[in-house]
Amino acid sequence: MKDEGFSPLIGTLSESSLHAAVKDWYAIPGDRLEVPVNGFVIDILRDNLLIEIQTQNFAQIKQKLRSLLENYTVHLVHPIAQEKWIIRIPENSTTSAARRKSPKRGRFIHIFDELIRIPDLITHPRFSLEILLIQVEEIRIQDGKGSWRRKGWSISDRRLTAILDRLVLEKPGDFQQFLPSELPTSFTARELAEQCSITLRLAQKMAYCLKHMGTISMTGKRSNAYVYEITPSSQLTVSSQI
């Protein structure tokens, strides 16, 4: 299929096994896959809805989403690994592969690691976000090109093994469910981290996102820490101006 006036199409690079598997799982009869729209390749076209699957790095699709939202309704799907199995394939073919379970467990709240790149899009009336908690196998190869944290092992692929849960977020008010009921009326990022059982760094990203979408507001400082308050649901709004 050709989209006249745009060349080359953006988003035509080869996809990972995880991306392809999530797309196949998400698609239903009648959907059209890999459809050119306004110079971009869309993962799934469902009637008038554009469905994009992004497994990591929201920064890569920020401009794509902004452009498409000018004329279309866009639903972004992001998988987070709740359970991850790491399979190491050594360079020496005589040594068998090793398989172990990662101690890290992803949660819905980890969406803020990526959402920090596009928090304002949540206020757009034609944008929605869906988080999938998944079980995944991460394939690593001993090629000496990986990061120092993995001691040179490279991630060659990620394979979907199960969809465990899902959560749809359509408007700023939907994000209030991430705020614990025990949270003080006025709170800092550190207090947010303690109540949510997350790192301070993730809590700071969370506060940044919630502030930009209007779910919380900054009211001042306590020592060197910013202080926030939850915005009443009645005052939450959406805007088409991004």
C-alpha atoms as a PDB file:
ATOM      1  CA  MET A   1       0.000   0.000   0.000  1.00  0.00           C
ATOM      2  CA  LYS A   2       1.364   3.412  -0.896  1.00  0.00           C
ATOM      3  CA  ASP A   3       0.693   6.759   0.741  1.00  0.00           C
ATOM      4  CA  GLU A   4       1.311   9.424  -1.895  1.00  0.00           C
ATOM      5  CA  GLY A   5       3.373  12.423  -0.938  1.00  0.00           C
ATOM      6  CA  PHE A   6       5.333  10.790   1.877  1.00  0.00           C
ATOM      7  CA  SER A   7       8.546   8.900   1.305  1.00  0.00           C
ATOM      8  CA  PRO A   8       9.983   7.022   2.979  1.00  0.00           C
ATOM      9  CA  LEU A   9       7.350   5.987   5.505  1.00  0.00           C
ATOM     10  CA  ILE A  10       8.330   6.418   9.144  1.00  0.00           C
ATOM     11  CA  GLY A  11       8.209   3.279  11.277  1.00  0.00           C
ATOM     12  CA  THR A  12       9.113   0.617   8.726  1.00  0.00           C
ATOM     13  CA  LEU A  13      12.139  -0.775  10.591  1.00  0.00           C
ATOM     14  CA  SER A  14      12.093  -4.481  11.450  1.00  0.00           C
ATOM     15  CA  GLU A  15      10.216  -5.168  14.688  1.00  0.00           C
ATOM     16  CA  SER A  16      11.253  -7.287  17.633  1.00  0.00           C
ATOM     17  CA  SER A  17       9.604 -10.592  18.486  1.00  0.00           C
ATOM     18  CA  LEU A  18       7.915  -8.932  21.490  1.00  0.00           C
ATOM     19  CA  HIS A  19       6.435  -6.128  19.398  1.00  0.00           C
ATOM     20  CA  ALA A  20       5.165  -8.554  16.765  1.00  0.00           C
ATOM     21  CA  ALA A  21       3.677 -10.910  19.370  1.00  0.00           C
ATOM     22  CA  VAL A  22       1.839  -8.119  21.212  1.00  0.00           C
ATOM     23  CA  LYS A  23       0.475  -6.830  17.909  1.00  0.00           C
ATOM     24  CA  ASP A  24      -0.773 -10.285  16.916  1.00  0.00           C
ATOM     25  CA  TRP A  25      -2.328 -10.831  20.357  1.00  0.00           C
ATOM     26  CA  TYR A  26      -4.029  -7.430  20.346  1.00  0.00           C
ATOM     27  CA  ALA A  27      -5.422  -7.568  16.805  1.00  0.00           C
ATOM     28  CA  ILE A  28      -8.992  -8.724  16.213  1.00  0.00           C
ATOM     29  CA  PRO A  29     -10.781  -9.788  13.008  1.00  0.00           C
ATOM     30  CA  GLY A  30     -11.323  -6.780  10.740  1.00  0.00           C
ATOM     31  CA  ASP A  31      -8.208  -4.932  11.881  1.00  0.00           C
ATOM     32  CA  ARG A  32      -5.677  -3.789   9.289  1.00  0.00           C
ATOM     33  CA  LEU A  33      -2.005  -4.133  10.193  1.00  0.00           C
ATOM     34  CA  GLU A  34       0.960  -1.998   9.170  1.00  0.00           C
ATOM     35  CA  VAL A  35      -1.139   0.678   7.471  1.00  0.00           C
ATOM     36  CA  PRO A  36       0.405   3.923   6.116  1.00  0.00           C
ATOM     37  CA  VAL A  37      -1.273   7.013   7.594  1.00  0.00           C
ATOM     38  CA  ASN A  38       0.021  10.542   6.995  1.00  0.00           C
ATOM     39  CA  GLY A  39       3.566   9.360   6.364  1.00  0.00           C
ATOM     40  CA  PHE A  40       3.690   6.958   9.309  1.00  0.00           C
ATOM     41  CA  VAL A  41       3.214   3.197   9.518  1.00  0.00           C
ATOM     42  CA  ILE A  42       0.478   2.382  12.029  1.00  0.00           C
ATOM     43  CA  ASP A  43       0.605  -0.972  13.820  1.00  0.00           C
ATOM     44  CA  ILE A  44      -3.166  -1.536  13.847  1.00  0.00           C
ATOM     45  CA  LEU A  45      -6.003   0.381  12.192  1.00  0.00           C
ATOM     46  CA  ARG A  46      -9.356  -0.501  13.781  1.00  0.00           C
ATOM     47  CA  ASP A  47     -12.120   1.421  12.025  1.00  0.00           C
ATOM     48  CA  ASN A  48     -11.119   5.041  12.777  1.00  0.00           C
ATOM     49  CA  LEU A  49      -8.850   4.164  15.710  1.00  0.00           C
ATOM     50  CA  LEU A  50      -5.053   4.098  15.336  1.00  0.00           C
ATOM     51  CA  ILE A  51      -3.406   1.600  17.706  1.00  0.00           C
ATOM     52  CA  GLU A  52       0.320   1.928  18.317  1.00  0.00           C
ATOM     53  CA  ILE A  53       2.416  -0.615  20.233  1.00  0.00           C
ATOM     54  CA  GLN A  54       5.589   0.711  21.819  1.00  0.00           C
ATOM     55  CA  THR A  55       7.686  -1.697  23.863  1.00  0.00           C
ATOM     56  CA  GLN A  56      10.188   0.924  25.052  1.00  0.00           C
ATOM     57  CA  ASN A  57      11.461   4.482  24.641  1.00  0.00           C
ATOM     58  CA  PHE A  58       8.430   6.748  24.221  1.00  0.00           C
ATOM     59  CA  ALA A  59      10.800   9.494  23.061  1.00  0.00           C
ATOM     60  CA  GLN A  60      11.036   7.713  19.697  1.00  0.00           C
ATOM     61  CA  ILE A  61       7.317   8.130  18.993  1.00  0.00           C
ATOM     62  CA  LYS A  62       6.605  11.482  20.660  1.00  0.00           C
ATOM     63  CA  GLN A  63       6.469  13.487  17.442  1.00  0.00           C
ATOM     64  CA  LYS A  64       4.614  10.711  15.644  1.00  0.00           C
ATOM     65  CA  LEU A  65       1.876  10.740  18.284  1.00  0.00           C
ATOM     66  CA  ARG A  66       1.603  14.527  18.287  1.00  0.00           C
ATOM     67  CA  SER A  67       1.264  14.607  14.518  1.00  0.00           C
ATOM     68  CA  LEU A  68      -1.364  11.859  14.372  1.00  0.00           C
ATOM     69  CA  LEU A  69      -3.435  13.348  17.201  1.00  0.00           C
ATOM     70  CA  GLU A  70      -4.084  16.426  15.094  1.00  0.00           C
ATOM     71  CA  ASN A  71      -6.594  14.421  13.049  1.00  0.00           C
ATOM     72  CA  TYR A  72      -6.959  10.941  14.550  1.00  0.00           C
ATOM     73  CA  THR A  73      -7.828   9.066  17.733  1.00  0.00           C
ATOM     74  CA  VAL A  74      -4.753   7.217  18.986  1.00  0.00           C
ATOM     75  CA  HIS A  75      -4.490   4.348  21.478  1.00  0.00           C
ATOM     76  CA  LEU A  76      -0.967   3.582  22.738  1.00  0.00           C
ATOM     77  CA  VAL A  77      -0.217   0.090  24.078  1.00  0.00           C
ATOM     78  CA  HIS A  78       2.853  -0.495  26.256  1.00  0.00           C
ATOM     79  CA  PRO A  79       3.926  -3.855  27.732  1.00  0.00           C
ATOM     80  CA  ILE A  80       5.745  -4.036  31.076  1.00  0.00           C
ATOM     81  CA  ALA A  81       7.483  -7.231  32.167  1.00  0.00           C
ATOM     82  CA  GLN A  82       5.958  -8.397  35.440  1.00  0.00           C
ATOM     83  CA  GLU A  83       7.901 -11.640  35.103  1.00  0.00           C
ATOM     84  CA  LYS A  84      11.108 -11.965  33.095  1.00  0.00           C
ATOM     85  CA  TRP A  85      13.174 -15.022  32.320  1.00  0.00           C
ATOM     86  CA  ILE A  86      16.731 -14.387  31.130  1.00  0.00           C
ATOM     87  CA  ILE A  87      18.202 -16.877  28.670  1.00  0.00           C
ATOM     88  CA  ARG A  88      21.953 -16.614  28.125  1.00  0.00           C
ATOM     89  CA  ILE A  89      23.367 -18.104  24.935  1.00  0.00           C
ATOM     90  CA  PRO A  90      27.168 -18.396  25.211  1.00  0.00           C
ATOM     91  CA  GLU A  91      29.483 -17.704  22.306  1.00  0.00           C
ATOM     92  CA  ASN A  92      30.881 -21.225  22.619  1.00  0.00           C
ATOM     93  CA  SER A  93      28.307 -23.489  20.959  1.00  0.00           C
ATOM     94  CA  THR A  94      29.490 -26.433  23.059  1.00  0.00           C
ATOM     95  CA  THR A  95      28.132 -24.786  26.210  1.00  0.00           C
ATOM     96  CA  SER A  96      24.389 -25.056  26.790  1.00  0.00           C
ATOM     97  CA  ALA A  97      22.204 -21.991  27.305  1.00  0.00           C
ATOM     98  CA  ALA A  98      21.399 -20.929  30.881  1.00  0.00           C
ATOM     99  CA  ARG A  99      17.920 -19.827  32.006  1.00  0.00           C
ATOM    100  CA  ARG A 100      17.092 -17.913  35.175  1.00  0.00           C
ATOM    101  CA  LYS A 101      14.260 -15.779  36.487  1.00  0.00           C
ATOM    102  CA  SER A 102      14.972 -12.089  37.012  1.00  0.00           C
ATOM    103  CA  PRO A 103      14.237 -10.829  40.556  1.00  0.00           C
ATOM    104  CA  LYS A 104      12.779  -7.633  39.088  1.00  0.00           C
ATOM    105  CA  ARG A 105       8.977  -7.499  38.869  1.00  0.00           C
ATOM    106  CA  GLY A 106       7.298  -4.812  36.815  1.00  0.00           C
ATOM    107  CA  ARG A 107       4.119  -3.092  38.011  1.00  0.00           C
ATOM    108  CA  PHE A 108       1.598  -0.789  36.362  1.00  0.00           C
ATOM    109  CA  ILE A 109       3.227   2.109  38.201  1.00  0.00           C
ATOM    110  CA  HIS A 110       6.430   1.609  36.195  1.00  0.00           C
ATOM    111  CA  ILE A 111       4.645   3.258  33.245  1.00  0.00           C
ATOM    112  CA  PHE A 112       6.026   6.553  34.596  1.00  0.00           C
ATOM    113  CA  ASP A 113       9.535   5.506  33.515  1.00  0.00           C
ATOM    114  CA  GLU A 114       8.321   6.027  29.939  1.00  0.00           C
ATOM    115  CA  LEU A 115       5.396   8.419  30.412  1.00  0.00           C
ATOM    116  CA  ILE A 116       7.778  11.143  31.569  1.00  0.00           C
ATOM    117  CA  ARG A 117       8.489  11.753  27.863  1.00  0.00           C
ATOM    118  CA  ILE A 118       4.840  12.457  26.942  1.00  0.00           C
ATOM    119  CA  PRO A 119       2.859  13.350  30.109  1.00  0.00           C
ATOM    120  CA  ASP A 120       0.957  16.193  28.456  1.00  0.00           C
ATOM    121  CA  LEU A 121      -0.587  13.866  25.853  1.00  0.00           C
ATOM    122  CA  ILE A 122      -2.796  12.379  28.582  1.00  0.00           C
ATOM    123  CA  THR A 123      -4.844  15.592  28.535  1.00  0.00           C
ATOM    124  CA  HIS A 124      -5.633  15.170  24.832  1.00  0.00           C
ATOM    125  CA  PRO A 125      -9.243  13.974  24.302  1.00  0.00           C
ATOM    126  CA  ARG A 126      -8.227  11.703  21.410  1.00  0.00           C
ATOM    127  CA  PHE A 127      -5.406   9.924  23.260  1.00  0.00           C
ATOM    128  CA  SER A 128      -5.570   6.843  25.487  1.00  0.00           C
ATOM    129  CA  LEU A 129      -2.979   4.523  26.992  1.00  0.00           C
ATOM    130  CA  GLU A 130      -3.091   0.826  27.777  1.00  0.00           C
ATOM    131  CA  ILE A 131      -0.546  -1.007  29.919  1.00  0.00           C
ATOM    132  CA  LEU A 132      -0.040  -4.749  29.582  1.00  0.00           C
ATOM    133  CA  LEU A 133       1.673  -6.698  32.339  1.00  0.00           C
ATOM    134  CA  ILE A 134       3.441  -9.555  30.618  1.00  0.00           C
ATOM    135  CA  GLN A 135       5.695 -12.543  31.072  1.00  0.00           C
ATOM    136  CA  VAL A 136       8.679 -12.381  28.765  1.00  0.00           C
ATOM    137  CA  GLU A 137      11.871 -14.207  27.862  1.00  0.00           C
ATOM    138  CA  GLU A 138      14.922 -12.019  27.300  1.00  0.00           C
ATOM    139  CA  ILE A 139      17.542 -13.586  25.037  1.00  0.00           C
ATOM    140  CA  ARG A 140      21.130 -12.512  25.694  1.00  0.00           C
ATOM    141  CA  ILE A 141      24.182 -13.406  23.634  1.00  0.00           C
ATOM    142  CA  GLN A 142      27.824 -13.340  24.665  1.00  0.00           C
ATOM    143  CA  ASP A 143      29.205 -11.059  21.967  1.00  0.00           C
ATOM    144  CA  GLY A 144      31.121  -8.550  24.097  1.00  0.00           C
ATOM    145  CA  LYS A 145      29.017  -5.658  22.760  1.00  0.00           C
ATOM    146  CA  GLY A 146      26.525  -5.330  25.589  1.00  0.00           C
ATOM    147  CA  SER A 147      26.584  -2.797  28.427  1.00  0.00           C
ATOM    148  CA  TRP A 148      29.057  -3.010  31.271  1.00  0.00           C
ATOM    149  CA  ARG A 149      26.159  -3.797  33.632  1.00  0.00           C
ATOM    150  CA  ARG A 150      25.568  -7.020  31.694  1.00  0.00           C
ATOM    151  CA  LYS A 151      29.335  -7.625  31.422  1.00  0.00           C
ATOM    152  CA  GLY A 152      29.290  -7.418  27.632  1.00  0.00           C
ATOM    153  CA  TRP A 153      26.227  -9.612  27.090  1.00  0.00           C
ATOM    154  CA  SER A 154      23.835  -8.137  24.468  1.00  0.00           C
ATOM    155  CA  ILE A 155      20.059  -8.412  24.443  1.00  0.00           C
ATOM    156  CA  SER A 156      19.278  -9.993  21.077  1.00  0.00           C
ATOM    157  CA  ASP A 157      15.527 -10.425  21.459  1.00  0.00           C
ATOM    158  CA  ARG A 158      12.536 -10.396  23.809  1.00  0.00           C
ATOM    159  CA  ARG A 159       9.839 -13.052  23.442  1.00  0.00           C
ATOM    160  CA  LEU A 160       6.315 -12.771  24.806  1.00  0.00           C
ATOM    161  CA  THR A 161       5.184 -15.853  26.747  1.00  0.00           C
ATOM    162  CA  ALA A 162       1.990 -14.582  28.459  1.00  0.00           C
ATOM    163  CA  ILE A 163      -0.277 -11.576  29.014  1.00  0.00           C
ATOM    164  CA  LEU A 164      -0.956 -11.390  32.757  1.00  0.00           C
ATOM    165  CA  ASP A 165      -3.030  -8.213  33.227  1.00  0.00           C
ATOM    166  CA  ARG A 166      -4.042  -4.988  31.496  1.00  0.00           C
ATOM    167  CA  LEU A 167      -5.031  -1.435  32.460  1.00  0.00           C
ATOM    168  CA  VAL A 168      -6.555   1.300  30.276  1.00  0.00           C
ATOM    169  CA  LEU A 169      -6.008   4.981  31.114  1.00  0.00           C
ATOM    170  CA  GLU A 170      -8.020   7.545  29.150  1.00  0.00           C
ATOM    171  CA  LYS A 171      -7.911  10.809  31.104  1.00  0.00           C
ATOM    172  CA  PRO A 172      -5.938  12.555  33.874  1.00  0.00           C
ATOM    173  CA  GLY A 173      -8.384  11.434  36.570  1.00  0.00           C
ATOM    174  CA  ASP A 174      -7.640   7.789  35.780  1.00  0.00           C
ATOM    175  CA  PHE A 175      -4.127   8.289  37.133  1.00  0.00           C
ATOM    176  CA  GLN A 176      -5.357   9.100  40.636  1.00  0.00           C
ATOM    177  CA  GLN A 177      -5.586   5.341  41.225  1.00  0.00           C
ATOM    178  CA  PHE A 178      -1.782   5.305  41.461  1.00  0.00           C
ATOM    179  CA  LEU A 179      -1.940   7.579  44.529  1.00  0.00           C
ATOM    180  CA  PRO A 180      -2.305   5.593  47.789  1.00  0.00           C
ATOM    181  CA  SER A 181      -5.248   6.479  50.030  1.00  0.00           C
ATOM    182  CA  GLU A 182      -2.809   6.804  52.956  1.00  0.00           C
ATOM    183  CA  LEU A 183      -0.930   9.622  51.218  1.00  0.00           C
ATOM    184  CA  PRO A 184      -0.934  12.858  53.274  1.00  0.00           C
ATOM    185  CA  THR A 185      -2.918  15.830  51.954  1.00  0.00           C
ATOM    186  CA  SER A 186       0.400  17.544  51.194  1.00  0.00           C
ATOM    187  CA  PHE A 187       3.269  15.264  50.239  1.00  0.00           C
ATOM    188  CA  THR A 188       6.757  15.176  48.768  1.00  0.00           C
ATOM    189  CA  ALA A 189       8.203  12.792  46.202  1.00  0.00           C
ATOM    190  CA  ARG A 190       9.979  10.942  49.010  1.00  0.00           C
ATOM    191  CA  GLU A 191       6.705  10.400  50.848  1.00  0.00           C
ATOM    192  CA  LEU A 192       5.143   9.271  47.579  1.00  0.00           C
ATOM    193  CA  ALA A 193       7.988   6.776  47.112  1.00  0.00           C
ATOM    194  CA  GLU A 194       7.501   5.370  50.602  1.00  0.00           C
ATOM    195  CA  GLN A 195       3.741   4.992  50.239  1.00  0.00           C
ATOM    196  CA  CYS A 196       4.009   3.352  46.798  1.00  0.00           C
ATOM    197  CA  SER A 197       7.028   1.190  47.688  1.00  0.00           C
ATOM    198  CA  ILE A 198       9.031   2.531  44.749  1.00  0.00           C
ATOM    199  CA  THR A 199      12.377   4.264  44.341  1.00  0.00           C
ATOM    200  CA  LEU A 200      12.689   7.999  44.870  1.00  0.00           C
ATOM    201  CA  ARG A 201      13.726   8.379  41.233  1.00  0.00           C
ATOM    202  CA  LEU A 202      10.529   6.727  39.999  1.00  0.00           C
ATOM    203  CA  ALA A 203       8.456   8.788  42.456  1.00  0.00           C
ATOM    204  CA  GLN A 204      10.025  11.975  41.075  1.00  0.00           C
ATOM    205  CA  LYS A 205       9.124  10.905  37.521  1.00  0.00           C
ATOM    206  CA  MET A 206       5.616  10.078  38.709  1.00  0.00           C
ATOM    207  CA  ALA A 207       5.192  13.492  40.369  1.00  0.00           C
ATOM    208  CA  TYR A 208       6.500  15.230  37.241  1.00  0.00           C
ATOM    209  CA  CYS A 209       3.992  13.390  35.033  1.00  0.00           C
ATOM    210  CA  LEU A 210       1.018  13.863  37.357  1.00  0.00           C
ATOM    211  CA  LYS A 211       1.799  17.570  37.708  1.00  0.00           C
ATOM    212  CA  HIS A 212       1.971  18.064  33.926  1.00  0.00           C
ATOM    213  CA  MET A 213      -1.356  16.308  33.373  1.00  0.00           C
ATOM    214  CA  GLY A 214      -2.950  18.277  36.231  1.00  0.00           C
ATOM    215  CA  THR A 215      -3.623  15.297  38.501  1.00  0.00           C
ATOM    216  CA  ILE A 216      -1.564  16.897  41.263  1.00  0.00           C
ATOM    217  CA  SER A 217      -0.388  20.460  41.773  1.00  0.00           C
ATOM    218  CA  MET A 218       2.795  21.891  43.277  1.00  0.00           C
ATOM    219  CA  THR A 219       2.029  24.039  46.301  1.00  0.00           C
ATOM    220  CA  GLY A 220       5.454  25.001  47.608  1.00  0.00           C
ATOM    221  CA  LYS A 221       8.630  23.579  49.126  1.00  0.00           C
ATOM    222  CA  ARG A 222       9.527  21.837  52.359  1.00  0.00           C
ATOM    223  CA  SER A 223      13.245  22.301  52.945  1.00  0.00           C
ATOM    224  CA  ASN A 224      14.632  21.381  49.500  1.00  0.00           C
ATOM    225  CA  ALA A 225      11.712  19.145  48.471  1.00  0.00           C
ATOM    226  CA  TYR A 226       8.728  20.185  46.387  1.00  0.00           C
ATOM    227  CA  VAL A 227       5.323  19.733  48.022  1.00  0.00           C
ATOM    228  CA  TYR A 228       2.294  18.485  46.076  1.00  0.00           C
ATOM    229  CA  GLU A 229      -1.453  18.164  46.582  1.00  0.00           C
ATOM    230  CA  ILE A 230      -3.975  15.989  44.746  1.00  0.00           C
ATOM    231  CA  THR A 231      -6.246  17.905  42.375  1.00  0.00           C
ATOM    232  CA  PRO A 232      -9.950  17.326  43.138  1.00  0.00           C
ATOM    233  CA  SER A 233     -11.565  15.150  40.459  1.00  0.00           C
ATOM    234  CA  SER A 234     -14.095  17.876  39.680  1.00  0.00           C
ATOM    235  CA  GLN A 235     -11.297  20.198  38.599  1.00  0.00           C
ATOM    236  CA  LEU A 236      -9.574  17.786  36.203  1.00  0.00           C
ATOM    237  CA  THR A 237      -9.936  18.714  32.534  1.00  0.00           C
ATOM    238  CA  VAL A 238      -8.702  17.609  29.128  1.00  0.00           C
ATOM    239  CA  SER A 239      -7.435  19.827  26.357  1.00  0.00           C
ATOM    240  CA  SER A 240      -6.938  19.420  22.630  1.00  0.00           C
ATOM    241  CA  GLN A 241      -4.115  21.947  22.710  1.00  0.00           C
ATOM    242  CA  ILE A 242      -0.820  20.064  23.026  1.00  0.00           C
END
